[in-house]
């Protein structure tokens, strides 16, 4: 399937705001992003990110990325964190030392349940950060799982 550009109307240059290819959405610079329809349904990858986040990340970072007493909220961090930095922190971990405490994010680079779905987790958290996906409910998916997602999962996790 060819990429379908969505343009920002009224823009002097009418650059594509985001494109879709095989069910996966990306910003103009290639950064993965979410797509939410007018009726609130999400693309497959955002839905998958919700599921994976709540399977692997919410124990520390709290429901919906809002934080907990154990680990910081990701919604605030994602406002300034770029995609590549997110990838690096999740894969390699990070330690932040402050006068009052030390915070440690463990490296999850060898966790296939995270790394095989890292883009999905990113787009889910980005939708939450941008306020496009409200708190309090399981997002409804707009489409079934794309064949490319099925093939990626088979390759990454195994059949």
N, C-alpha and C. Protein backbone atom coordinates (compact mmCIF):
# COMPACT_ATOMS: atom_id res chain seq x y z
N UNK A 1 0.84 -1.18 0.00
CA UNK A 1 0.00 0.00 0.00
C UNK A 1 0.89 1.24 0.00
N UNK A 2 0.58 2.19 -0.81
CA UNK A 2 1.37 3.42 -0.91
C UNK A 2 1.06 4.33 0.27
N UNK A 3 2.04 5.14 0.61
CA UNK A 3 1.85 6.09 1.71
C UNK A 3 0.82 7.14 1.31
N UNK A 4 -0.06 7.45 2.24
CA UNK A 4 -1.09 8.45 1.99
C UNK A 4 -0.76 9.69 2.80
N UNK A 5 -0.42 10.81 2.15
CA UNK A 5 -0.09 12.02 2.91
C UNK A 5 -1.34 12.75 3.38
N UNK A 6 -1.26 13.30 4.56
CA UNK A 6 -2.30 14.19 5.06
C UNK A 6 -1.66 15.55 5.18
N UNK A 7 -2.27 16.56 4.57
CA UNK A 7 -1.68 17.88 4.61
C UNK A 7 -2.38 18.75 5.64
N UNK A 8 -1.65 19.72 6.11
CA UNK A 8 -2.22 20.70 7.01
C UNK A 8 -2.78 21.82 6.15
N UNK A 9 -4.10 21.94 6.09
CA UNK A 9 -4.69 22.94 5.21
C UNK A 9 -4.41 24.34 5.73
N UNK A 10 -4.27 25.24 4.81
CA UNK A 10 -3.99 26.61 5.16
C UNK A 10 -2.50 26.89 5.28
N UNK A 11 -1.69 25.87 5.24
CA UNK A 11 -0.25 26.04 5.31
C UNK A 11 0.25 26.63 4.02
N UNK A 12 1.21 27.51 4.13
CA UNK A 12 1.72 28.16 2.93
C UNK A 12 2.42 27.16 2.02
N UNK A 13 2.96 26.09 2.59
CA UNK A 13 3.67 25.12 1.77
C UNK A 13 2.90 23.82 1.61
N UNK A 14 1.82 23.62 2.37
CA UNK A 14 1.03 22.39 2.33
C UNK A 14 1.90 21.14 2.42
N UNK A 15 2.82 21.13 3.38
CA UNK A 15 3.64 19.95 3.63
C UNK A 15 2.78 18.88 4.29
N UNK A 16 3.05 17.61 3.98
CA UNK A 16 2.30 16.56 4.67
C UNK A 16 2.57 16.62 6.17
N UNK A 17 1.50 16.61 6.97
CA UNK A 17 1.64 16.60 8.42
C UNK A 17 2.06 15.22 8.88
N UNK A 18 1.46 14.19 8.28
CA UNK A 18 1.84 12.82 8.57
C UNK A 18 1.39 11.95 7.42
N UNK A 19 2.01 10.79 7.31
CA UNK A 19 1.68 9.85 6.25
C UNK A 19 1.39 8.49 6.85
N UNK A 20 0.69 7.68 6.09
CA UNK A 20 0.34 6.33 6.50
C UNK A 20 0.86 5.35 5.48
N UNK A 21 1.48 4.28 5.97
CA UNK A 21 1.92 3.21 5.09
C UNK A 21 1.67 1.90 5.79
N UNK A 22 0.86 1.06 5.19
CA UNK A 22 0.51 -0.24 5.75
C UNK A 22 0.00 -0.14 7.19
N UNK A 23 -0.79 0.89 7.45
CA UNK A 23 -1.39 1.05 8.78
C UNK A 23 -0.53 1.76 9.80
N UNK A 24 0.70 2.06 9.44
CA UNK A 24 1.62 2.73 10.37
C UNK A 24 1.74 4.20 9.97
N UNK A 25 1.59 5.08 10.95
CA UNK A 25 1.61 6.52 10.70
C UNK A 25 2.96 7.10 11.10
N UNK A 26 3.40 8.13 10.37
CA UNK A 26 4.67 8.79 10.65
C UNK A 26 4.54 10.28 10.40
N UNK A 27 5.29 11.05 11.20
CA UNK A 27 5.40 12.50 10.98
C UNK A 27 6.19 12.71 9.70
N UNK A 28 6.22 13.94 9.23
CA UNK A 28 6.95 14.27 8.00
C UNK A 28 8.43 13.89 8.08
N UNK A 29 9.00 13.92 9.30
CA UNK A 29 10.42 13.57 9.46
C UNK A 29 10.65 12.08 9.67
N UNK A 30 9.58 11.27 9.61
CA UNK A 30 9.71 9.83 9.76
C UNK A 30 9.46 9.30 11.17
N UNK A 31 9.29 10.20 12.13
CA UNK A 31 9.03 9.79 13.51
C UNK A 31 7.66 9.12 13.59
N UNK A 32 7.59 7.94 14.21
CA UNK A 32 6.28 7.28 14.34
C UNK A 32 5.29 8.16 15.09
N UNK A 33 4.02 8.09 14.69
CA UNK A 33 2.99 8.87 15.36
C UNK A 33 1.68 8.09 15.36
N UNK A 34 0.71 8.64 16.01
CA UNK A 34 -0.61 8.03 16.15
C UNK A 34 -1.57 8.63 15.14
N UNK A 35 -2.69 7.93 14.96
CA UNK A 35 -3.79 8.48 14.18
C UNK A 35 -5.08 8.14 14.92
N UNK A 36 -5.85 9.16 15.22
CA UNK A 36 -7.11 8.98 15.93
C UNK A 36 -8.21 9.60 15.08
N UNK A 37 -9.23 8.81 14.79
CA UNK A 37 -10.32 9.28 13.94
C UNK A 37 -11.23 10.21 14.73
N UNK A 38 -12.12 10.88 14.01
CA UNK A 38 -13.03 11.84 14.64
C UNK A 38 -13.91 11.20 15.71
N UNK A 39 -14.19 9.90 15.56
CA UNK A 39 -15.01 9.22 16.56
C UNK A 39 -14.18 8.62 17.70
N UNK A 40 -12.87 8.96 17.74
CA UNK A 40 -12.02 8.55 18.86
C UNK A 40 -11.34 7.20 18.71
N UNK A 41 -11.51 6.54 17.57
CA UNK A 41 -10.85 5.25 17.37
C UNK A 41 -9.39 5.48 16.97
N UNK A 42 -8.53 4.57 17.41
CA UNK A 42 -7.09 4.72 17.17
C UNK A 42 -6.61 3.71 16.13
N UNK A 43 -5.47 4.02 15.53
CA UNK A 43 -4.83 3.09 14.61
C UNK A 43 -4.35 1.87 15.39
N UNK A 44 -4.01 0.81 14.66
CA UNK A 44 -3.59 -0.44 15.31
C UNK A 44 -2.38 -0.23 16.23
N UNK A 45 -1.39 0.52 15.79
CA UNK A 45 -0.14 0.64 16.54
C UNK A 45 -0.34 1.41 17.85
N UNK A 46 -1.22 2.39 17.86
CA UNK A 46 -1.52 3.10 19.10
C UNK A 46 -2.25 2.16 20.06
N UNK A 47 -3.18 1.39 19.53
CA UNK A 47 -3.89 0.40 20.34
C UNK A 47 -2.91 -0.63 20.91
N UNK A 48 -2.02 -1.11 20.07
CA UNK A 48 -1.00 -2.06 20.52
C UNK A 48 -0.10 -1.43 21.59
N UNK A 49 0.24 -0.16 21.40
CA UNK A 49 1.07 0.54 22.39
C UNK A 49 0.38 0.64 23.74
N UNK A 50 -0.93 0.89 23.73
CA UNK A 50 -1.70 0.90 24.97
C UNK A 50 -1.58 -0.45 25.67
N UNK A 51 -1.78 -1.52 24.92
CA UNK A 51 -1.72 -2.86 25.49
C UNK A 51 -0.33 -3.18 26.01
N UNK A 52 0.70 -2.86 25.24
CA UNK A 52 2.08 -3.18 25.64
C UNK A 52 2.52 -2.32 26.82
N UNK A 53 2.15 -1.04 26.80
CA UNK A 53 2.49 -0.16 27.92
C UNK A 53 1.92 -0.74 29.21
N UNK A 54 0.64 -1.12 29.17
CA UNK A 54 0.00 -1.61 30.39
C UNK A 54 0.46 -3.01 30.77
N UNK A 55 1.08 -3.71 29.86
CA UNK A 55 1.66 -5.02 30.15
C UNK A 55 3.06 -4.90 30.76
N UNK A 56 3.85 -3.95 30.26
CA UNK A 56 5.26 -3.90 30.63
C UNK A 56 5.71 -2.66 31.41
N UNK A 57 5.02 -1.54 31.27
CA UNK A 57 5.55 -0.28 31.78
C UNK A 57 4.76 0.33 32.94
N UNK A 58 3.48 0.08 32.99
CA UNK A 58 2.65 0.79 33.97
C UNK A 58 2.93 0.40 35.41
N UNK A 59 3.52 -0.76 35.62
CA UNK A 59 3.84 -1.17 36.99
C UNK A 59 4.73 -0.13 37.66
N UNK A 60 5.67 0.41 36.93
CA UNK A 60 6.57 1.44 37.47
C UNK A 60 6.05 2.85 37.18
N UNK A 61 5.68 3.12 35.92
CA UNK A 61 5.36 4.47 35.49
C UNK A 61 3.89 4.86 35.65
N UNK A 62 3.10 3.98 36.22
CA UNK A 62 1.72 4.30 36.51
C UNK A 62 0.80 4.15 35.32
N UNK A 63 -0.50 4.04 35.63
CA UNK A 63 -1.48 3.91 34.55
C UNK A 63 -1.44 5.11 33.62
N UNK A 64 -1.48 4.83 32.34
CA UNK A 64 -1.56 5.86 31.30
C UNK A 64 -0.40 6.84 31.29
N UNK A 65 0.73 6.42 31.83
CA UNK A 65 1.94 7.25 31.80
C UNK A 65 1.96 8.40 32.78
N UNK A 66 1.06 8.36 33.77
CA UNK A 66 0.92 9.48 34.70
C UNK A 66 1.90 9.45 35.87
N UNK A 67 2.65 8.36 36.03
CA UNK A 67 3.64 8.27 37.10
C UNK A 67 3.11 7.56 38.32
N UNK A 68 4.03 7.29 39.24
CA UNK A 68 3.70 6.61 40.48
C UNK A 68 4.69 7.06 41.55
N UNK A 69 4.56 6.51 42.73
CA UNK A 69 5.53 6.84 43.78
C UNK A 69 6.87 6.18 43.49
N UNK A 70 6.88 5.22 42.59
CA UNK A 70 8.10 4.48 42.28
C UNK A 70 8.89 5.07 41.12
N UNK A 71 8.18 5.55 40.10
CA UNK A 71 8.86 6.07 38.91
C UNK A 71 8.08 7.27 38.37
N UNK A 72 8.79 8.16 37.67
CA UNK A 72 8.14 9.39 37.18
C UNK A 72 7.12 9.13 36.08
N UNK A 73 6.22 10.09 35.93
CA UNK A 73 5.29 10.05 34.82
C UNK A 73 6.03 10.28 33.52
N UNK A 74 5.60 9.61 32.50
CA UNK A 74 6.24 9.76 31.19
C UNK A 74 5.59 10.86 30.37
N UNK A 75 4.38 11.24 30.73
CA UNK A 75 3.68 12.28 29.98
C UNK A 75 4.48 13.58 29.99
N UNK A 76 5.01 13.96 31.13
CA UNK A 76 5.83 15.17 31.21
C UNK A 76 7.13 15.03 30.43
N UNK A 77 7.79 13.89 30.58
CA UNK A 77 9.06 13.66 29.87
C UNK A 77 8.89 13.67 28.37
N UNK A 78 7.78 13.12 27.90
CA UNK A 78 7.56 13.00 26.46
C UNK A 78 7.30 14.35 25.79
N UNK A 79 7.05 15.38 26.58
CA UNK A 79 6.82 16.71 25.99
C UNK A 79 8.10 17.26 25.38
N UNK A 80 9.24 16.86 25.90
CA UNK A 80 10.51 17.36 25.39
C UNK A 80 11.41 16.26 24.82
N UNK A 81 11.13 15.02 25.16
CA UNK A 81 11.98 13.92 24.71
C UNK A 81 11.71 13.59 23.25
N UNK A 82 12.76 13.52 22.48
CA UNK A 82 12.65 13.15 21.07
C UNK A 82 12.60 11.62 20.95
N UNK A 83 12.13 11.17 19.81
CA UNK A 83 11.97 9.75 19.53
C UNK A 83 13.26 8.95 19.77
N UNK A 84 14.38 9.42 19.23
CA UNK A 84 15.63 8.67 19.38
C UNK A 84 16.08 8.61 20.84
N UNK A 85 15.87 9.66 21.58
CA UNK A 85 16.22 9.64 23.00
C UNK A 85 15.34 8.63 23.75
N UNK A 86 14.06 8.59 23.44
CA UNK A 86 13.16 7.60 24.03
C UNK A 86 13.68 6.20 23.76
N UNK A 87 14.04 5.92 22.51
CA UNK A 87 14.57 4.60 22.13
C UNK A 87 15.82 4.27 22.93
N UNK A 88 16.73 5.23 23.03
CA UNK A 88 17.98 5.01 23.75
C UNK A 88 17.76 4.74 25.23
N UNK A 89 16.88 5.51 25.86
CA UNK A 89 16.63 5.35 27.29
C UNK A 89 15.99 3.99 27.57
N UNK A 90 15.01 3.61 26.78
CA UNK A 90 14.35 2.34 27.01
C UNK A 90 15.31 1.18 26.76
N UNK A 91 16.04 1.23 25.68
CA UNK A 91 16.95 0.13 25.34
C UNK A 91 18.16 0.07 26.28
N UNK A 92 18.75 1.22 26.57
CA UNK A 92 20.00 1.24 27.34
C UNK A 92 19.88 1.58 28.80
N UNK A 93 18.71 2.06 29.21
CA UNK A 93 18.53 2.47 30.60
C UNK A 93 19.12 3.84 30.86
N UNK A 94 18.91 4.32 32.09
CA UNK A 94 19.43 5.63 32.44
C UNK A 94 19.40 5.78 33.96
N UNK A 95 20.42 6.46 34.48
CA UNK A 95 20.47 6.78 35.90
C UNK A 95 20.54 8.29 36.04
N UNK A 96 19.66 8.84 36.86
CA UNK A 96 19.67 10.27 37.14
C UNK A 96 19.87 10.43 38.64
N UNK A 97 20.93 11.16 39.00
CA UNK A 97 21.23 11.39 40.41
C UNK A 97 20.93 12.84 40.76
N UNK A 98 20.10 13.00 41.77
CA UNK A 98 19.74 14.32 42.29
C UNK A 98 20.15 14.36 43.76
N UNK A 99 20.18 15.54 44.34
CA UNK A 99 20.56 15.62 45.76
C UNK A 99 19.66 14.78 46.68
N UNK A 100 18.37 14.67 46.34
CA UNK A 100 17.45 13.96 47.22
C UNK A 100 17.25 12.49 46.88
N UNK A 101 17.58 12.08 45.63
CA UNK A 101 17.40 10.67 45.26
C UNK A 101 18.11 10.35 43.95
N UNK A 102 18.23 9.07 43.70
CA UNK A 102 18.75 8.57 42.44
C UNK A 102 17.65 7.76 41.78
N UNK A 103 17.38 8.06 40.51
CA UNK A 103 16.37 7.33 39.75
C UNK A 103 17.07 6.45 38.73
N UNK A 104 16.63 5.21 38.65
CA UNK A 104 17.25 4.27 37.71
C UNK A 104 16.17 3.67 36.82
N UNK A 105 16.34 3.87 35.52
CA UNK A 105 15.51 3.20 34.52
C UNK A 105 16.34 2.03 34.02
N UNK A 106 15.88 0.79 34.24
CA UNK A 106 16.68 -0.35 33.79
C UNK A 106 16.70 -0.44 32.26
N UNK A 107 17.76 -1.00 31.73
CA UNK A 107 17.85 -1.26 30.29
C UNK A 107 16.90 -2.39 29.92
N UNK A 108 16.09 -2.16 28.91
CA UNK A 108 15.14 -3.17 28.47
C UNK A 108 15.44 -3.67 27.06
N UNK A 109 16.66 -3.40 26.60
CA UNK A 109 17.06 -3.76 25.25
C UNK A 109 17.00 -5.24 24.94
N UNK A 110 17.02 -6.09 25.96
CA UNK A 110 16.94 -7.53 25.73
C UNK A 110 15.54 -8.09 26.00
N UNK A 111 14.57 -7.22 26.24
CA UNK A 111 13.20 -7.64 26.50
C UNK A 111 12.40 -7.52 25.21
N UNK A 112 12.17 -8.65 24.56
CA UNK A 112 11.45 -8.65 23.28
C UNK A 112 10.02 -8.11 23.42
N UNK A 113 9.40 -8.31 24.58
CA UNK A 113 8.04 -7.80 24.78
C UNK A 113 8.00 -6.28 24.82
N UNK A 114 9.13 -5.64 24.99
CA UNK A 114 9.22 -4.19 24.91
C UNK A 114 9.80 -3.78 23.57
N UNK A 115 10.95 -4.31 23.23
CA UNK A 115 11.66 -3.84 22.05
C UNK A 115 10.93 -4.12 20.74
N UNK A 116 10.22 -5.22 20.64
CA UNK A 116 9.48 -5.53 19.40
C UNK A 116 8.30 -4.60 19.20
N UNK A 117 7.90 -3.90 20.25
CA UNK A 117 6.73 -3.02 20.20
C UNK A 117 7.07 -1.61 20.65
N UNK A 118 8.34 -1.25 20.59
CA UNK A 118 8.76 0.05 21.12
C UNK A 118 8.12 1.22 20.38
N UNK A 119 7.99 1.14 19.07
CA UNK A 119 7.31 2.21 18.33
C UNK A 119 5.85 2.33 18.78
N UNK A 120 5.22 1.19 19.03
CA UNK A 120 3.82 1.19 19.46
C UNK A 120 3.69 1.90 20.81
N UNK A 121 4.57 1.56 21.74
CA UNK A 121 4.55 2.19 23.06
C UNK A 121 4.79 3.68 22.92
N UNK A 122 5.74 4.05 22.07
CA UNK A 122 6.04 5.46 21.85
C UNK A 122 4.82 6.22 21.34
N UNK A 123 4.13 5.68 20.32
CA UNK A 123 2.99 6.42 19.75
C UNK A 123 1.84 6.50 20.74
N UNK A 124 1.65 5.47 21.55
CA UNK A 124 0.61 5.53 22.58
C UNK A 124 0.93 6.65 23.58
N UNK A 125 2.17 6.68 24.07
CA UNK A 125 2.55 7.72 25.03
C UNK A 125 2.51 9.11 24.40
N UNK A 126 2.86 9.21 23.14
CA UNK A 126 2.81 10.50 22.43
C UNK A 126 1.36 10.99 22.32
N UNK A 127 0.44 10.08 22.03
CA UNK A 127 -0.98 10.45 21.96
C UNK A 127 -1.47 10.92 23.32
N UNK A 128 -1.04 10.27 24.39
CA UNK A 128 -1.40 10.69 25.74
C UNK A 128 -0.78 12.05 26.06
N UNK A 129 0.48 12.22 25.71
CA UNK A 129 1.19 13.47 25.97
C UNK A 129 0.54 14.64 25.26
N UNK A 130 0.15 14.43 24.01
CA UNK A 130 -0.45 15.50 23.21
C UNK A 130 -1.90 15.78 23.59
N UNK A 131 -2.46 14.98 24.47
CA UNK A 131 -3.85 15.16 24.86
C UNK A 131 -4.84 14.62 23.84
N UNK A 132 -4.34 13.91 22.84
CA UNK A 132 -5.21 13.36 21.80
C UNK A 132 -5.95 12.11 22.28
N UNK A 133 -5.41 11.47 23.30
CA UNK A 133 -6.01 10.26 23.85
C UNK A 133 -6.26 10.51 25.34
N UNK A 134 -7.52 10.69 25.72
CA UNK A 134 -7.82 11.03 27.11
C UNK A 134 -7.62 9.87 28.07
N UNK A 135 -7.52 10.20 29.33
CA UNK A 135 -7.40 9.20 30.39
C UNK A 135 -8.72 8.47 30.58
N UNK A 136 -8.61 7.32 31.19
CA UNK A 136 -9.77 6.67 31.74
C UNK A 136 -10.46 5.61 30.93
N UNK A 137 -9.99 5.31 29.75
CA UNK A 137 -10.66 4.24 29.02
C UNK A 137 -9.68 3.54 28.08
N UNK A 138 -10.03 2.33 27.78
CA UNK A 138 -9.25 1.56 26.80
C UNK A 138 -9.58 2.12 25.42
N UNK A 139 -8.57 2.48 24.64
CA UNK A 139 -8.88 3.02 23.31
C UNK A 139 -9.50 1.93 22.42
N UNK A 140 -10.39 2.38 21.56
CA UNK A 140 -11.01 1.46 20.60
C UNK A 140 -10.23 1.54 19.30
N UNK A 141 -9.86 0.39 18.79
CA UNK A 141 -9.08 0.39 17.55
C UNK A 141 -9.98 0.59 16.35
N UNK A 142 -9.46 1.30 15.37
CA UNK A 142 -10.22 1.62 14.16
C UNK A 142 -10.12 0.51 13.12
N UNK A 143 -9.01 -0.22 13.14
CA UNK A 143 -8.76 -1.24 12.12
C UNK A 143 -8.21 -2.51 12.77
N UNK A 144 -8.30 -3.59 12.04
CA UNK A 144 -7.70 -4.84 12.49
C UNK A 144 -6.18 -4.76 12.35
N UNK A 145 -5.51 -5.69 12.96
CA UNK A 145 -4.05 -5.74 12.92
C UNK A 145 -3.57 -5.89 11.48
N UNK A 146 -2.73 -4.96 11.01
CA UNK A 146 -2.24 -5.04 9.63
C UNK A 146 -1.32 -6.25 9.43
N UNK A 147 -1.30 -6.75 8.24
CA UNK A 147 -0.43 -7.88 7.90
C UNK A 147 1.04 -7.56 8.20
N UNK A 148 1.46 -6.32 7.96
CA UNK A 148 2.85 -5.96 8.25
C UNK A 148 3.16 -6.08 9.74
N UNK A 149 2.20 -5.78 10.59
CA UNK A 149 2.40 -5.93 12.04
C UNK A 149 2.50 -7.41 12.41
N UNK A 150 1.69 -8.23 11.77
CA UNK A 150 1.74 -9.68 12.02
C UNK A 150 3.10 -10.23 11.63
N UNK A 151 3.58 -9.83 10.45
CA UNK A 151 4.88 -10.31 9.97
C UNK A 151 6.03 -9.81 10.85
N UNK A 152 5.97 -8.54 11.27
CA UNK A 152 6.99 -7.98 12.14
C UNK A 152 7.06 -8.78 13.45
N UNK A 153 5.89 -9.06 14.02
CA UNK A 153 5.82 -9.81 15.28
C UNK A 153 6.42 -11.21 15.12
N UNK A 154 6.10 -11.87 14.02
CA UNK A 154 6.64 -13.22 13.78
C UNK A 154 8.16 -13.18 13.66
N UNK A 155 8.67 -12.15 12.99
CA UNK A 155 10.12 -12.02 12.82
C UNK A 155 10.79 -11.66 14.13
N UNK A 156 10.21 -10.74 14.88
CA UNK A 156 10.84 -10.23 16.09
C UNK A 156 10.72 -11.21 17.27
N UNK A 157 9.54 -11.72 17.50
CA UNK A 157 9.28 -12.61 18.64
C UNK A 157 9.50 -14.07 18.25
N UNK A 158 9.15 -14.40 17.02
CA UNK A 158 9.20 -15.78 16.56
C UNK A 158 7.80 -16.32 16.35
N UNK A 159 7.69 -17.32 15.55
CA UNK A 159 6.36 -17.89 15.23
C UNK A 159 5.79 -18.68 16.37
